[in-house]
Amino acid sequence: MTTITAYCACALCCGPNAAGLTASGDRPVQGITVAASRSIPLGTHIQLTIPGLWKSREFVVQDRLAKRYDDRVDVYFTRHADAVRFGKRKGVVTR
């Protein structure tokens, strides 16, 4: 199982210099954008399954995590409150 967390484009989640763009140069989109390890190429489609929440949902790796978090996936939410509510979960990531 992989740790799955959430983020939004605010300064709390992305730092004080956040520009609102993903590492791929696009604006993030809720329900599509995830941040992942640098070992997964940008543009890769992945499936996330979270027991009791999502059977299987497809996302696109459009953003990067800090190197210290390379062992997780971060799901984008438009609102900070929704990202906080999602919290930290365990799930299965498949490509």
N, C-alpha and C. Protein backbone atom coordinates (compact mmCIF):
# COMPACT_ATOMS: atom_id res chain seq x y z
N MET A 1 0.85 -1.19 0.00
CA MET A 1 0.00 0.00 0.00
C MET A 1 0.89 1.25 0.00
N THR A 2 0.43 2.22 -0.73
CA THR A 2 1.15 3.49 -0.87
C THR A 2 0.42 4.56 -0.09
N THR A 3 1.17 5.50 0.46
CA THR A 3 0.56 6.65 1.13
C THR A 3 0.04 7.61 0.06
N ILE A 4 -1.21 8.01 0.21
CA ILE A 4 -1.84 8.96 -0.72
C ILE A 4 -2.30 10.16 0.10
N THR A 5 -1.79 11.33 -0.26
CA THR A 5 -2.13 12.56 0.44
C THR A 5 -2.79 13.51 -0.55
N ALA A 6 -3.06 14.74 -0.10
CA ALA A 6 -3.74 15.71 -0.95
C ALA A 6 -3.09 17.08 -0.82
N TYR A 7 -3.27 17.89 -1.86
CA TYR A 7 -2.76 19.26 -1.83
C TYR A 7 -3.64 20.16 -2.67
N CYS A 8 -3.45 21.46 -2.50
CA CYS A 8 -4.09 22.45 -3.36
C CYS A 8 -2.98 23.39 -3.82
N ALA A 9 -3.29 24.44 -4.51
CA ALA A 9 -2.26 25.34 -5.05
C ALA A 9 -1.93 26.50 -4.12
N CYS A 10 -2.34 26.42 -2.86
CA CYS A 10 -2.09 27.53 -1.93
C CYS A 10 -0.65 27.52 -1.41
N ALA A 11 -0.27 28.61 -0.76
CA ALA A 11 1.08 28.75 -0.22
C ALA A 11 1.34 27.75 0.91
N LEU A 12 0.31 27.35 1.65
CA LEU A 12 0.50 26.35 2.71
C LEU A 12 0.89 24.99 2.12
N CYS A 13 0.28 24.63 1.02
CA CYS A 13 0.55 23.33 0.40
C CYS A 13 1.78 23.35 -0.50
N CYS A 14 1.99 24.44 -1.21
CA CYS A 14 3.02 24.48 -2.25
C CYS A 14 4.17 25.44 -1.96
N GLY A 15 4.12 26.13 -0.84
CA GLY A 15 5.19 27.07 -0.49
C GLY A 15 4.86 28.49 -0.89
N PRO A 16 5.61 29.44 -0.33
CA PRO A 16 5.30 30.86 -0.54
C PRO A 16 5.50 31.35 -1.98
N ASN A 17 6.25 30.62 -2.78
CA ASN A 17 6.49 31.04 -4.17
C ASN A 17 5.62 30.29 -5.17
N ALA A 18 4.56 29.66 -4.68
CA ALA A 18 3.68 28.88 -5.56
C ALA A 18 3.11 29.76 -6.66
N ALA A 19 3.21 29.28 -7.89
CA ALA A 19 2.73 30.06 -9.04
C ALA A 19 1.40 29.54 -9.58
N GLY A 20 0.88 28.46 -8.99
CA GLY A 20 -0.39 27.92 -9.45
C GLY A 20 -0.27 27.03 -10.67
N LEU A 21 0.96 26.67 -11.07
CA LEU A 21 1.17 25.79 -12.20
C LEU A 21 1.82 24.50 -11.73
N THR A 22 1.60 23.42 -12.47
CA THR A 22 2.22 22.15 -12.15
C THR A 22 3.63 22.10 -12.75
N ALA A 23 4.37 21.07 -12.41
CA ALA A 23 5.71 20.88 -12.97
C ALA A 23 5.66 20.73 -14.49
N SER A 24 4.52 20.29 -15.01
CA SER A 24 4.38 20.14 -16.46
C SER A 24 4.04 21.48 -17.14
N GLY A 25 3.81 22.52 -16.33
CA GLY A 25 3.50 23.85 -16.87
C GLY A 25 2.03 24.13 -17.04
N ASP A 26 1.18 23.14 -16.70
CA ASP A 26 -0.27 23.31 -16.81
C ASP A 26 -0.87 23.72 -15.48
N ARG A 27 -2.06 24.26 -15.55
CA ARG A 27 -2.82 24.51 -14.32
C ARG A 27 -3.36 23.17 -13.83
N PRO A 28 -3.29 22.90 -12.53
CA PRO A 28 -3.81 21.63 -12.02
C PRO A 28 -5.33 21.59 -12.11
N VAL A 29 -5.86 20.37 -12.27
CA VAL A 29 -7.31 20.17 -12.40
C VAL A 29 -7.73 19.09 -11.40
N GLN A 30 -8.70 19.44 -10.55
CA GLN A 30 -9.21 18.46 -9.60
C GLN A 30 -9.82 17.29 -10.35
N GLY A 31 -9.51 16.08 -9.88
CA GLY A 31 -10.02 14.88 -10.51
C GLY A 31 -9.12 14.34 -11.61
N ILE A 32 -8.08 15.10 -11.95
CA ILE A 32 -7.14 14.67 -12.99
C ILE A 32 -5.70 14.71 -12.50
N THR A 33 -5.29 15.81 -11.87
CA THR A 33 -3.89 16.04 -11.51
C THR A 33 -3.46 15.33 -10.24
N VAL A 34 -2.29 14.67 -10.33
CA VAL A 34 -1.60 14.17 -9.14
C VAL A 34 -0.13 14.56 -9.23
N ALA A 35 0.48 14.68 -8.08
CA ALA A 35 1.93 14.86 -7.98
C ALA A 35 2.51 13.51 -7.58
N ALA A 36 3.64 13.16 -8.19
CA ALA A 36 4.24 11.86 -7.90
C ALA A 36 5.76 11.97 -7.96
N SER A 37 6.40 10.87 -7.68
CA SER A 37 7.85 10.74 -7.69
C SER A 37 8.43 11.12 -9.05
N ARG A 38 9.66 11.60 -9.04
CA ARG A 38 10.36 11.92 -10.28
C ARG A 38 10.64 10.67 -11.12
N SER A 39 10.51 9.50 -10.52
CA SER A 39 10.74 8.26 -11.27
C SER A 39 9.56 7.92 -12.18
N ILE A 40 8.43 8.60 -12.02
CA ILE A 40 7.26 8.40 -12.87
C ILE A 40 7.19 9.58 -13.85
N PRO A 41 7.31 9.33 -15.13
CA PRO A 41 7.32 10.44 -16.10
C PRO A 41 6.04 11.29 -16.06
N LEU A 42 6.22 12.61 -16.25
CA LEU A 42 5.06 13.48 -16.37
C LEU A 42 4.20 12.99 -17.53
N GLY A 43 2.90 13.06 -17.36
CA GLY A 43 1.97 12.60 -18.38
C GLY A 43 1.53 11.16 -18.22
N THR A 44 2.14 10.43 -17.28
CA THR A 44 1.78 9.03 -17.05
C THR A 44 0.38 8.95 -16.43
N HIS A 45 -0.44 8.07 -16.93
CA HIS A 45 -1.77 7.82 -16.37
C HIS A 45 -1.62 6.73 -15.31
N ILE A 46 -2.16 7.00 -14.12
CA ILE A 46 -2.12 6.02 -13.04
C ILE A 46 -3.52 5.79 -12.50
N GLN A 47 -3.72 4.64 -11.89
CA GLN A 47 -4.98 4.31 -11.23
C GLN A 47 -4.74 4.35 -9.72
N LEU A 48 -5.64 5.00 -8.99
CA LEU A 48 -5.58 5.02 -7.54
C LEU A 48 -6.79 4.28 -7.00
N THR A 49 -6.54 3.34 -6.11
CA THR A 49 -7.62 2.62 -5.43
C THR A 49 -7.41 2.83 -3.94
N ILE A 50 -8.44 3.34 -3.28
CA ILE A 50 -8.39 3.54 -1.83
C ILE A 50 -9.54 2.74 -1.23
N PRO A 51 -9.22 1.66 -0.51
CA PRO A 51 -10.28 0.82 0.07
C PRO A 51 -11.29 1.65 0.87
N GLY A 52 -12.56 1.42 0.60
CA GLY A 52 -13.63 2.12 1.30
C GLY A 52 -13.94 3.51 0.77
N LEU A 53 -13.15 3.99 -0.21
CA LEU A 53 -13.39 5.33 -0.76
C LEU A 53 -13.51 5.29 -2.29
N TRP A 54 -12.45 4.83 -2.96
CA TRP A 54 -12.44 4.77 -4.42
C TRP A 54 -12.13 3.36 -4.86
N LYS A 55 -12.96 2.81 -5.74
CA LYS A 55 -12.65 1.49 -6.31
C LYS A 55 -11.44 1.62 -7.22
N SER A 56 -11.48 2.53 -8.16
CA SER A 56 -10.35 2.79 -9.04
C SER A 56 -10.63 4.07 -9.80
N ARG A 57 -9.71 5.02 -9.70
CA ARG A 57 -9.86 6.27 -10.43
C ARG A 57 -8.58 6.55 -11.19
N GLU A 58 -8.73 7.07 -12.39
CA GLU A 58 -7.56 7.39 -13.21
C GLU A 58 -7.17 8.85 -13.03
N PHE A 59 -5.87 9.08 -12.88
CA PHE A 59 -5.30 10.41 -12.75
C PHE A 59 -4.11 10.52 -13.70
N VAL A 60 -3.62 11.75 -13.88
CA VAL A 60 -2.44 11.99 -14.72
C VAL A 60 -1.37 12.65 -13.86
N VAL A 61 -0.16 12.12 -13.93
CA VAL A 61 0.96 12.72 -13.20
C VAL A 61 1.34 14.01 -13.93
N GLN A 62 1.02 15.14 -13.30
CA GLN A 62 1.32 16.45 -13.89
C GLN A 62 2.21 17.28 -12.99
N ASP A 63 2.50 16.77 -11.80
CA ASP A 63 3.26 17.55 -10.84
C ASP A 63 4.25 16.66 -10.11
N ARG A 64 5.17 17.26 -9.40
CA ARG A 64 6.22 16.55 -8.69
C ARG A 64 6.13 16.77 -7.19
N LEU A 65 6.58 15.77 -6.46
CA LEU A 65 6.69 15.85 -5.01
C LEU A 65 8.12 16.23 -4.63
N ALA A 66 8.29 16.75 -3.44
CA ALA A 66 9.63 16.94 -2.90
C ALA A 66 10.29 15.57 -2.80
N LYS A 67 11.59 15.49 -3.01
CA LYS A 67 12.29 14.19 -3.02
C LYS A 67 12.04 13.36 -1.76
N ARG A 68 11.86 14.01 -0.64
CA ARG A 68 11.64 13.25 0.61
C ARG A 68 10.29 12.53 0.62
N TYR A 69 9.39 12.88 -0.31
CA TYR A 69 8.08 12.24 -0.38
C TYR A 69 7.93 11.34 -1.61
N ASP A 70 9.02 10.86 -2.16
CA ASP A 70 8.99 10.04 -3.37
C ASP A 70 8.21 8.74 -3.21
N ASP A 71 7.86 8.38 -2.00
CA ASP A 71 7.15 7.12 -1.76
C ASP A 71 5.64 7.31 -1.65
N ARG A 72 5.13 8.44 -2.14
CA ARG A 72 3.69 8.69 -2.05
C ARG A 72 3.16 9.35 -3.31
N VAL A 73 1.85 9.51 -3.36
CA VAL A 73 1.17 10.23 -4.44
C VAL A 73 0.33 11.30 -3.78
N ASP A 74 0.28 12.48 -4.37
CA ASP A 74 -0.45 13.62 -3.83
C ASP A 74 -1.54 14.00 -4.82
N VAL A 75 -2.79 13.92 -4.39
CA VAL A 75 -3.95 14.21 -5.24
C VAL A 75 -4.29 15.70 -5.13
N TYR A 76 -4.50 16.35 -6.28
CA TYR A 76 -4.82 17.78 -6.29
C TYR A 76 -6.30 18.02 -6.01
N PHE A 77 -6.57 19.01 -5.15
CA PHE A 77 -7.92 19.51 -4.88
C PHE A 77 -7.93 21.01 -5.10
N THR A 78 -9.01 21.55 -5.60
CA THR A 78 -9.14 22.98 -5.85
C THR A 78 -9.15 23.76 -4.54
N ARG A 79 -9.85 23.24 -3.54
CA ARG A 79 -9.99 23.94 -2.25
C ARG A 79 -9.10 23.31 -1.18
N HIS A 80 -8.44 24.17 -0.42
CA HIS A 80 -7.56 23.70 0.66
C HIS A 80 -8.34 22.86 1.68
N ALA A 81 -9.56 23.29 2.01
CA ALA A 81 -10.37 22.55 2.98
C ALA A 81 -10.64 21.11 2.52
N ASP A 82 -10.83 20.92 1.22
CA ASP A 82 -11.06 19.57 0.69
C ASP A 82 -9.79 18.73 0.78
N ALA A 83 -8.65 19.35 0.53
CA ALA A 83 -7.37 18.63 0.64
C ALA A 83 -7.13 18.20 2.08
N VAL A 84 -7.41 19.09 3.02
CA VAL A 84 -7.25 18.77 4.44
C VAL A 84 -8.21 17.66 4.84
N ARG A 85 -9.44 17.73 4.37
CA ARG A 85 -10.45 16.71 4.69
C ARG A 85 -10.03 15.34 4.14
N PHE A 86 -9.44 15.30 2.95
CA PHE A 86 -8.95 14.05 2.37
C PHE A 86 -7.86 13.46 3.27
N GLY A 87 -6.97 14.31 3.72
CA GLY A 87 -5.94 13.88 4.67
C GLY A 87 -4.91 12.94 4.09
N LYS A 88 -4.57 11.94 4.87
CA LYS A 88 -3.53 10.96 4.53
C LYS A 88 -4.17 9.58 4.57
N ARG A 89 -4.08 8.88 3.46
CA ARG A 89 -4.72 7.57 3.35
C ARG A 89 -3.75 6.56 2.78
N LYS A 90 -4.12 5.30 2.80
CA LYS A 90 -3.34 4.24 2.19
C LYS A 90 -4.12 3.68 1.01
N GLY A 91 -3.45 3.41 -0.08
CA GLY A 91 -4.11 2.89 -1.25
C GLY A 91 -3.14 2.18 -2.18
N VAL A 92 -3.68 1.76 -3.30
CA VAL A 92 -2.90 1.03 -4.30
C VAL A 92 -2.75 1.91 -5.53
N VAL A 93 -1.53 2.02 -6.03
CA VAL A 93 -1.24 2.80 -7.23
C VAL A 93 -0.79 1.83 -8.32
N THR A 94 -1.45 1.89 -9.48
CA THR A 94 -1.04 1.06 -10.60
C THR A 94 -0.93 1.93 -11.83
N ARG A 95 -0.05 1.52 -12.74
CA ARG A 95 0.15 2.29 -13.99
C ARG A 95 -0.52 1.57 -15.14
